């Protein structure tokens, strides 16, 4: 009788296991090229599965296929505009694309990058990665394009409230970037 129940329940158990878990395992093992076509095929049948769309965006990001990653993250932002992490990933993919294209092309992306990170920060006051992204963005942008040490320090302060270690690292980074090694060292030593 027990064998009969096992045989009866086996197909149900097999169908109840999410393919997303299998995809996530492949991503964890860094089998990006193997999981990419599987996710694409899966999304043909379930085009509104946000978890699969995000995972495919992550796969594209790991492969530095920024346009594809941007497309996937944009779908997420449009589907769930109040999810901070979707805005963060969208801004991050745009930022990575900006680093890989000409400076002229990158200029056209700055507003969208800032907008995505600022929206993520607004939606989630505890999103540490977004604050790190804003610290770096404002430090690396020239002043004429909106770069600002004071804005970077503002987000470093927010980081410090969330995590002392992240706050001290961010401040050390800011001062090191500004070629103020003594101030940078002061914050690094506070770790």
Protein backbone atom coordinates (compact mmCIF):
# COMPACT_ATOMS: atom_id res chain seq x y z
CA UNK A 1 0.00 0.00 0.00
CA UNK A 2 2.84 2.41 0.86
CA UNK A 3 4.48 1.75 -2.51
CA UNK A 4 1.20 2.52 -4.22
CA UNK A 5 0.91 5.88 -2.38
CA UNK A 6 4.46 6.81 -3.29
CA UNK A 7 3.82 6.00 -6.95
CA UNK A 8 0.60 7.98 -6.81
CA UNK A 9 2.17 11.04 -5.16
CA UNK A 10 5.45 11.06 -7.11
CA UNK A 11 4.03 12.93 -10.15
CA UNK A 12 2.37 15.48 -7.86
CA UNK A 13 5.63 16.04 -5.97
CA UNK A 14 7.53 16.42 -9.23
CA UNK A 15 5.09 19.03 -10.54
CA UNK A 16 5.03 20.94 -7.26
CA UNK A 17 8.77 21.62 -7.37
CA UNK A 18 9.31 25.02 -8.91
CA UNK A 19 11.52 25.20 -11.99
CA UNK A 20 12.67 28.56 -10.62
CA UNK A 21 14.53 26.71 -7.86
CA UNK A 22 16.37 24.71 -10.54
CA UNK A 23 17.18 27.90 -12.46
CA UNK A 24 18.44 29.58 -9.29
CA UNK A 25 20.69 26.60 -8.61
CA UNK A 26 22.20 26.88 -12.09
CA UNK A 27 22.79 30.60 -11.53
CA UNK A 28 24.35 29.91 -8.13
CA UNK A 29 26.71 27.49 -9.89
CA UNK A 30 27.44 30.19 -12.51
CA UNK A 31 26.05 28.16 -15.42
CA UNK A 32 24.75 31.29 -17.09
CA UNK A 33 24.88 30.10 -20.69
CA UNK A 34 23.06 26.91 -19.75
CA UNK A 35 20.27 28.59 -17.78
CA UNK A 36 19.68 31.48 -20.22
CA UNK A 37 17.84 29.45 -22.90
CA UNK A 38 15.92 27.55 -20.21
CA UNK A 39 14.67 30.81 -18.71
CA UNK A 40 13.80 32.21 -22.13
CA UNK A 41 11.77 29.08 -22.95
CA UNK A 42 10.11 29.14 -19.52
CA UNK A 43 9.13 32.79 -20.00
CA UNK A 44 7.57 32.01 -23.39
CA UNK A 45 5.01 29.92 -21.49
CA UNK A 46 4.78 32.11 -18.37
CA UNK A 47 5.63 35.64 -19.54
CA UNK A 48 4.44 37.33 -16.33
CA UNK A 49 6.58 35.37 -13.88
CA UNK A 50 8.43 38.28 -12.26
CA UNK A 51 10.85 35.99 -10.44
CA UNK A 52 11.91 34.41 -13.75
CA UNK A 53 12.19 37.82 -15.44
CA UNK A 54 14.42 39.04 -12.63
CA UNK A 55 16.54 35.91 -12.76
CA UNK A 56 16.97 36.26 -16.53
CA UNK A 57 17.99 39.90 -16.00
CA UNK A 58 20.55 38.72 -13.44
CA UNK A 59 21.85 36.11 -15.89
CA UNK A 60 22.26 38.76 -18.58
CA UNK A 61 23.99 41.02 -16.08
CA UNK A 62 26.48 38.29 -15.14
CA UNK A 63 27.24 37.92 -18.85
CA UNK A 64 27.58 41.70 -19.29
CA UNK A 65 24.71 41.77 -21.78
CA UNK A 66 23.54 45.12 -20.45
CA UNK A 67 20.82 45.86 -23.00
CA UNK A 68 19.09 42.54 -22.31
CA UNK A 69 19.45 43.01 -18.54
CA UNK A 70 18.02 46.53 -18.84
CA UNK A 71 15.03 45.23 -20.83
CA UNK A 72 14.23 42.63 -18.18
CA UNK A 73 14.63 45.00 -15.24
CA UNK A 74 12.53 47.62 -17.02
CA UNK A 75 9.71 45.05 -17.30
CA UNK A 76 9.97 44.52 -13.55
CA UNK A 77 9.88 48.25 -12.81
CA UNK A 78 6.84 48.67 -15.05
CA UNK A 79 5.07 45.68 -13.46
CA UNK A 80 5.85 46.59 -9.85
CA UNK A 81 6.84 50.28 -9.74
CA UNK A 82 6.92 50.31 -5.93
CA UNK A 83 9.60 47.64 -5.57
CA UNK A 84 12.89 49.29 -4.63
CA UNK A 85 15.11 46.38 -5.63
CA UNK A 86 13.74 46.42 -9.18
CA UNK A 87 14.65 50.11 -9.53
CA UNK A 88 18.07 49.40 -8.02
CA UNK A 89 18.79 46.60 -10.50
CA UNK A 90 17.51 48.69 -13.40
CA UNK A 91 19.73 51.61 -12.39
CA UNK A 92 22.67 49.28 -11.89
CA UNK A 93 22.34 47.74 -15.35
CA UNK A 94 22.05 51.22 -16.88
CA UNK A 95 25.14 52.29 -14.94
CA UNK A 96 27.14 49.30 -16.12
CA UNK A 97 26.08 49.99 -19.69
CA UNK A 98 27.20 53.62 -19.25
CA UNK A 99 30.65 52.38 -18.24
CA UNK A 100 30.91 50.20 -21.36
CA UNK A 101 29.84 52.69 -24.04
CA UNK A 102 31.21 55.99 -25.33
CA UNK A 103 31.10 58.99 -23.03
CA UNK A 104 28.63 60.67 -25.35
CA UNK A 105 26.23 57.72 -25.16
CA UNK A 106 26.74 57.47 -21.39
CA UNK A 107 25.64 61.09 -20.96
CA UNK A 108 22.19 60.15 -22.20
CA UNK A 109 21.87 57.48 -19.50
CA UNK A 110 22.78 59.57 -16.45
CA UNK A 111 19.28 60.90 -15.80
CA UNK A 112 17.75 57.43 -15.94
CA UNK A 113 20.46 55.99 -13.70
CA UNK A 114 19.99 58.71 -11.09
CA UNK A 115 16.23 58.44 -11.34
CA UNK A 116 16.24 54.68 -10.76
CA UNK A 117 18.58 54.86 -7.76
CA UNK A 118 16.76 57.80 -6.20
CA UNK A 119 13.42 56.04 -6.63
CA UNK A 120 14.82 52.90 -5.00
CA UNK A 121 16.14 55.00 -2.09
CA UNK A 122 12.77 56.71 -1.74
CA UNK A 123 10.88 53.40 -1.75
CA UNK A 124 13.12 51.65 0.78
CA UNK A 125 14.88 53.66 3.45
CA UNK A 126 16.88 50.58 4.46
CA UNK A 127 18.20 49.53 1.03
CA UNK A 128 21.95 49.54 1.65
CA UNK A 129 23.03 48.67 -1.91
CA UNK A 130 21.09 51.64 -3.31
CA UNK A 131 22.86 54.01 -0.95
CA UNK A 132 26.22 52.58 -1.95
CA UNK A 133 25.30 53.08 -5.61
CA UNK A 134 24.38 56.72 -4.91
CA UNK A 135 27.65 57.31 -3.01
CA UNK A 136 29.61 56.03 -6.01
CA UNK A 137 27.47 57.77 -8.59
CA UNK A 138 27.75 61.20 -7.01
CA UNK A 139 31.50 60.79 -6.47
CA UNK A 140 32.27 59.62 -9.99
CA UNK A 141 30.12 62.11 -11.88
CA UNK A 142 31.75 65.44 -12.71
CA UNK A 143 30.15 68.40 -10.96
CA UNK A 144 28.67 69.76 -14.20
CA UNK A 145 26.75 66.49 -14.58
CA UNK A 146 25.44 66.48 -11.04
CA UNK A 147 28.35 64.92 -9.21
CA UNK A 148 28.59 66.09 -5.63
CA UNK A 149 30.78 65.19 -2.70
CA UNK A 150 28.17 66.57 -0.31
CA UNK A 151 25.47 64.30 -1.79
CA UNK A 152 27.83 61.35 -1.54
CA UNK A 153 28.44 62.19 2.10
CA UNK A 154 24.67 62.48 2.66
CA UNK A 155 24.21 58.88 1.46
CA UNK A 156 27.26 57.77 3.45
CA UNK A 157 25.54 59.21 6.54
CA UNK A 158 22.40 57.25 5.70
CA UNK A 159 24.55 54.15 5.31
CA UNK A 160 26.14 54.77 8.70
CA UNK A 161 22.71 54.85 10.31
CA UNK A 162 21.86 51.51 8.68
CA UNK A 163 25.27 49.92 9.17
CA UNK A 164 28.25 51.53 10.90
CA UNK A 165 30.66 49.44 8.85
CA UNK A 166 29.11 50.46 5.53
CA UNK A 167 29.00 54.09 6.63
CA UNK A 168 32.67 54.14 7.60
CA UNK A 169 33.66 52.33 4.39
CA UNK A 170 31.64 54.78 2.30
CA UNK A 171 33.22 57.78 3.99
CA UNK A 172 36.67 56.25 3.59
CA UNK A 173 35.93 55.69 -0.09
CA UNK A 174 34.76 59.29 -0.55
CA UNK A 175 37.86 60.79 1.03
CA UNK A 176 40.16 58.37 -0.75
CA UNK A 177 38.50 59.24 -4.07
CA UNK A 178 38.99 62.94 -3.26
CA UNK A 179 42.69 62.29 -2.56
CA UNK A 180 42.43 62.96 1.16
CA UNK A 181 44.27 59.90 2.49
CA UNK A 182 44.39 61.02 6.13
CA UNK A 183 40.62 61.43 6.34
CA UNK A 184 40.11 58.17 4.44
CA UNK A 185 42.44 56.37 6.84
CA UNK A 186 40.55 57.80 9.83
CA UNK A 187 37.32 56.16 8.68
CA UNK A 188 38.97 52.93 7.62
CA UNK A 189 40.51 52.62 11.07
CA UNK A 190 37.07 52.97 12.66
CA UNK A 191 36.11 49.57 11.24
